[in-house]
């Protein structure tokens, strides 16, 4: 299907107006729309979340307490977006169990900011580490810096499932380097994690059948320095315990 041509500028990107016999040109609104579309197309957002927005986030239906708590979470995200970029803490960190809707809200926030003209990139945490590691030459100690520099320099970086990788010295050093750089340069980071943290009111789980969410604290998976920087630069969004968001959305 052919792409529709703007009726105002006829595809030129400029609107011509005549006043008192003098012609002038000004940028057409469609230029901003075209830029937003291009930024969204290049943001790396997974197909399942390309339509994610704050407006289509589904609140719990049969859990009044959960619905109220989740409504407060949505309000926190809306407030962040309204105030952006004039913020004391330029980032967002969503903490909560799997299936609570963290990724939907994180991507919704990213998409909203991109539509306002900011540049942003989505990375699955483990995939980003795999890309950086694949370019690492152990013999020379040199890193193919493309993925690494992208994580450092992106105007807004979204890291999904932060800490979903067993901790090694290399992982800790790499994550600390990325988060510290972004913190020091006030580059926004939006992140989600299934891991627990005491400042979010969490206590360590117990038992051999404990899942990763209850078994580990965030600090244990990304390191103390990275965790400290993360809390310094991000507004913390604690997700309430509610039914699985993927199921809720299909109902």
Protein backbone atom coordinates (compact mmCIF):
# COMPACT_ATOMS: atom_id res chain seq x y z
CA UNK A 1 0.00 0.00 0.00
CA UNK A 2 1.39 3.40 -0.99
CA UNK A 3 2.17 5.74 1.88
CA UNK A 4 -0.21 8.70 2.11
CA UNK A 5 1.27 12.07 1.11
CA UNK A 6 0.74 14.93 3.54
CA UNK A 7 -2.09 17.16 2.34
CA UNK A 8 -0.44 20.25 3.82
CA UNK A 9 3.05 20.07 2.33
CA UNK A 10 2.51 17.42 -0.39
CA UNK A 11 5.51 15.47 0.85
CA UNK A 12 8.02 18.35 0.75
CA UNK A 13 8.20 18.77 4.54
CA UNK A 14 7.53 22.52 4.22
CA UNK A 15 4.32 24.54 4.30
CA UNK A 16 4.20 27.59 2.01
CA UNK A 17 2.17 30.57 3.07
CA UNK A 18 1.64 33.96 1.45
CA UNK A 19 1.11 37.14 3.48
CA UNK A 20 0.78 40.56 1.85
CA UNK A 21 2.25 39.18 -1.34
CA UNK A 22 5.30 37.68 0.40
CA UNK A 23 5.83 33.91 0.38
CA UNK A 24 7.36 32.12 3.34
CA UNK A 25 8.03 28.51 4.29
CA UNK A 26 7.85 26.80 7.66
CA UNK A 27 8.41 23.17 8.70
CA UNK A 28 5.34 21.01 8.37
CA UNK A 29 4.04 19.04 11.35
CA UNK A 30 4.46 15.85 9.35
CA UNK A 31 8.24 16.18 9.62
CA UNK A 32 7.95 15.55 13.35
CA UNK A 33 5.61 12.64 12.72
CA UNK A 34 8.01 11.14 10.19
CA UNK A 35 10.88 11.50 12.65
CA UNK A 36 8.88 9.78 15.40
CA UNK A 37 8.01 6.89 13.06
CA UNK A 38 11.66 6.49 12.09
CA UNK A 39 12.82 6.58 15.72
CA UNK A 40 10.22 4.00 16.73
CA UNK A 41 11.18 1.74 13.82
CA UNK A 42 14.83 1.85 14.90
CA UNK A 43 14.25 1.52 18.66
CA UNK A 44 14.44 -2.29 18.70
CA UNK A 45 11.10 -2.67 20.49
CA UNK A 46 9.90 -6.32 20.34
CA UNK A 47 6.88 -7.02 18.15
CA UNK A 48 4.74 -7.99 21.15
CA UNK A 49 5.12 -4.46 22.55
CA UNK A 50 5.00 -2.22 19.48
CA UNK A 51 1.53 -0.98 20.50
CA UNK A 52 2.19 -0.76 24.25
CA UNK A 53 0.91 2.46 25.78
CA UNK A 54 -0.17 3.78 29.14
CA UNK A 55 -3.75 4.01 27.90
CA UNK A 56 -4.00 0.32 26.94
CA UNK A 57 -2.40 -1.01 30.11
CA UNK A 58 -4.95 -3.37 31.70
CA UNK A 59 -5.59 -2.94 35.42
CA UNK A 60 -6.65 -5.91 37.59
CA UNK A 61 -10.42 -6.43 37.38
CA UNK A 62 -11.32 -8.72 40.30
CA UNK A 63 -8.79 -7.49 42.84
CA UNK A 64 -9.79 -4.07 44.24
CA UNK A 65 -6.63 -3.67 46.33
CA UNK A 66 -4.43 -4.74 43.43
CA UNK A 67 -6.31 -2.45 41.06
CA UNK A 68 -5.81 0.56 43.35
CA UNK A 69 -2.11 -0.22 43.84
CA UNK A 70 -1.56 -0.67 40.10
CA UNK A 71 -3.44 2.57 39.37
CA UNK A 72 -0.89 4.31 41.63
CA UNK A 73 1.91 2.74 39.57
CA UNK A 74 0.36 4.03 36.34
CA UNK A 75 0.01 7.49 37.92
CA UNK A 76 3.71 7.42 38.85
CA UNK A 77 4.65 6.64 35.25
CA UNK A 78 2.34 9.35 33.89
CA UNK A 79 3.88 11.87 36.29
CA UNK A 80 7.38 10.87 35.18
CA UNK A 81 6.45 11.33 31.52
CA UNK A 82 4.77 14.67 32.18
CA UNK A 83 7.84 16.02 34.01
CA UNK A 84 10.45 14.55 31.65
CA UNK A 85 13.18 15.71 31.05
CA UNK A 86 13.17 18.12 34.03
CA UNK A 87 13.68 15.47 36.69
CA UNK A 88 15.94 15.00 39.69
CA UNK A 89 16.18 11.33 38.76
CA UNK A 90 16.04 10.88 34.97
CA UNK A 91 15.39 7.11 35.00
CA UNK A 92 12.74 4.57 35.97
CA UNK A 93 13.32 1.19 37.63
CA UNK A 94 10.40 -1.24 37.69
CA UNK A 95 10.79 -3.90 40.41
CA UNK A 96 8.38 -6.81 40.77
CA UNK A 97 7.48 -10.43 40.18
CA UNK A 98 7.31 -11.88 36.66
CA UNK A 99 4.03 -11.19 34.90
CA UNK A 100 3.07 -7.96 36.68
CA UNK A 101 3.27 -5.77 33.54
CA UNK A 102 6.70 -4.20 34.01
CA UNK A 103 7.80 -4.53 30.39
CA UNK A 104 4.52 -3.14 29.05
CA UNK A 105 4.80 -0.02 31.19
CA UNK A 106 8.52 0.40 30.51
CA UNK A 107 8.01 0.19 26.74
CA UNK A 108 4.94 2.42 26.96
CA UNK A 109 7.10 5.06 28.65
CA UNK A 110 9.84 4.66 26.03
CA UNK A 111 7.37 4.88 23.13
CA UNK A 112 5.77 7.99 24.62
CA UNK A 113 9.13 9.75 24.88
CA UNK A 114 10.12 8.72 21.35
CA UNK A 115 6.85 10.11 20.04
CA UNK A 116 7.81 13.39 21.70
CA UNK A 117 11.01 13.40 19.65
CA UNK A 118 13.54 11.84 22.02
CA UNK A 119 15.68 8.95 20.78
CA UNK A 120 15.49 5.65 22.62
CA UNK A 121 16.61 2.03 22.36
CA UNK A 122 15.24 -1.20 23.80
CA UNK A 123 17.64 -3.97 24.83
CA UNK A 124 16.95 -7.29 26.47
CA UNK A 125 19.58 -7.37 29.22
CA UNK A 126 20.96 -10.81 28.41
CA UNK A 127 20.96 -10.12 24.66
CA UNK A 128 22.92 -6.92 25.20
CA UNK A 129 25.53 -8.76 27.27
CA UNK A 130 25.73 -11.48 24.61
CA UNK A 131 26.33 -8.86 21.92
CA UNK A 132 29.06 -7.17 23.94
CA UNK A 133 30.66 -10.50 24.84
CA UNK A 134 30.64 -11.73 21.24
CA UNK A 135 32.83 -8.78 20.32
CA UNK A 136 35.28 -9.35 23.16
CA UNK A 137 38.72 -10.63 22.22
CA UNK A 138 40.07 -12.38 25.33
CA UNK A 139 43.56 -12.56 23.86
CA UNK A 140 43.92 -8.83 23.37
CA UNK A 141 41.42 -7.66 25.98
CA UNK A 142 39.76 -5.51 23.31
CA UNK A 143 36.00 -5.10 22.97
CA UNK A 144 34.21 -4.55 19.68
CA UNK A 145 32.68 -1.37 21.00
CA UNK A 146 29.58 -1.04 18.83
CA UNK A 147 27.04 -2.62 21.21
CA UNK A 148 28.89 -1.27 24.25
CA UNK A 149 29.02 2.29 22.90
CA UNK A 150 25.36 2.06 21.91
CA UNK A 151 24.43 1.20 25.51
CA UNK A 152 26.51 4.12 26.76
CA UNK A 153 25.43 6.76 24.26
CA UNK A 154 21.73 6.06 23.60
CA UNK A 155 19.71 9.12 24.56
CA UNK A 156 17.30 6.86 26.47
CA UNK A 157 18.18 3.23 27.16
CA UNK A 158 15.63 0.58 28.17
CA UNK A 159 17.11 -2.55 29.75
CA UNK A 160 14.52 -5.29 30.16
CA UNK A 161 14.96 -8.07 32.73
CA UNK A 162 17.99 -6.53 34.40
CA UNK A 163 20.01 -9.08 36.36
CA UNK A 164 18.70 -12.12 34.44
CA UNK A 165 22.21 -13.48 34.00
CA UNK A 166 24.48 -15.27 36.40
CA UNK A 167 26.95 -12.86 37.89
CA UNK A 168 30.63 -13.02 36.89
CA UNK A 169 33.39 -10.46 37.27
CA UNK A 170 33.00 -9.61 33.58
CA UNK A 171 29.24 -9.13 33.84
CA UNK A 172 29.53 -7.04 37.00
CA UNK A 173 32.25 -4.82 35.52
CA UNK A 174 30.37 -4.35 32.24
CA UNK A 175 27.03 -3.53 33.85
CA UNK A 176 28.66 -1.22 36.39
CA UNK A 177 30.49 0.61 33.61
CA UNK A 178 27.31 1.18 31.58
CA UNK A 179 25.16 2.27 34.54
CA UNK A 180 27.88 4.47 36.04
CA UNK A 181 28.51 6.24 32.73
CA UNK A 182 24.82 6.91 32.21
CA UNK A 183 24.40 8.08 35.80
CA UNK A 184 27.39 10.44 35.64
CA UNK A 185 26.20 11.93 32.34
CA UNK A 186 22.52 12.08 33.38
CA UNK A 187 21.49 9.82 30.52
CA UNK A 188 18.08 8.28 31.31
CA UNK A 189 17.83 4.55 31.94
CA UNK A 190 14.50 2.73 32.08
CA UNK A 191 14.93 -0.77 33.50
CA UNK A 192 12.83 -3.71 34.64
CA UNK A 193 13.87 -6.48 37.00
CA UNK A 194 12.29 -9.56 38.56
CA UNK A 195 14.83 -9.44 41.38
CA UNK A 196 14.19 -8.24 44.90
CA UNK A 197 15.61 -5.32 46.79
CA UNK A 198 15.31 -4.40 50.47
CA UNK A 199 14.53 -0.76 49.64
CA UNK A 200 11.49 -2.00 47.74
CA UNK A 201 10.31 -3.78 50.89
CA UNK A 202 11.46 -7.24 49.80
CA UNK A 203 12.81 -10.05 51.95
CA UNK A 204 14.88 -12.96 50.75
CA UNK A 205 12.95 -16.15 49.98
CA UNK A 206 13.92 -19.56 51.19
CA UNK A 207 13.65 -23.17 50.10
CA UNK A 208 15.13 -25.20 47.28
CA UNK A 209 12.19 -24.42 45.00
CA UNK A 210 12.53 -20.66 45.32
CA UNK A 211 12.54 -18.99 41.91
CA UNK A 212 15.06 -16.36 40.81
CA UNK A 213 12.76 -13.58 42.01
CA UNK A 214 12.68 -14.80 45.60
CA UNK A 215 16.14 -16.35 45.66
CA UNK A 216 18.33 -13.37 44.73
CA UNK A 217 18.58 -9.70 45.54
CA UNK A 218 19.35 -7.24 42.71
CA UNK A 219 22.72 -6.42 44.25
CA UNK A 220 23.76 -10.07 44.02
CA UNK A 221 23.17 -10.17 40.26
CA UNK A 222 24.56 -6.82 39.10
CA UNK A 223 26.94 -5.88 41.91
CA UNK A 224 26.81 -3.36 44.75
CA UNK A 225 28.22 -0.42 42.75
CA UNK A 226 25.79 -0.79 39.84
CA UNK A 227 22.86 -1.21 42.21
CA UNK A 228 23.85 1.93 44.13
CA UNK A 229 24.10 4.01 40.94
CA UNK A 230 20.80 2.62 39.71
CA UNK A 231 18.96 3.78 42.82
CA UNK A 232 20.72 7.15 42.58
CA UNK A 233 19.54 7.81 39.02
CA UNK A 234 16.11 6.13 38.88
CA UNK A 235 12.66 6.69 40.27
CA UNK A 236 11.73 3.32 41.80
CA UNK A 237 8.41 1.78 40.73
CA UNK A 238 7.41 -1.14 42.96
CA UNK A 239 4.92 -3.40 41.17
CA UNK A 240 2.16 -4.86 43.41
CA UNK A 241 1.55 -8.59 43.62
CA UNK A 242 -1.30 -9.21 41.17
CA UNK A 243 -2.39 -11.90 38.74
CA UNK A 244 -0.24 -12.56 35.67
CA UNK A 245 -0.47 -9.58 33.31
CA UNK A 246 -0.24 -11.72 30.18
CA UNK A 247 -3.34 -13.64 31.26
CA UNK A 248 -5.11 -10.48 32.38
CA UNK A 249 -4.53 -8.84 29.00
CA UNK A 250 -6.08 -11.79 27.13
CA UNK A 251 -9.24 -11.87 29.22
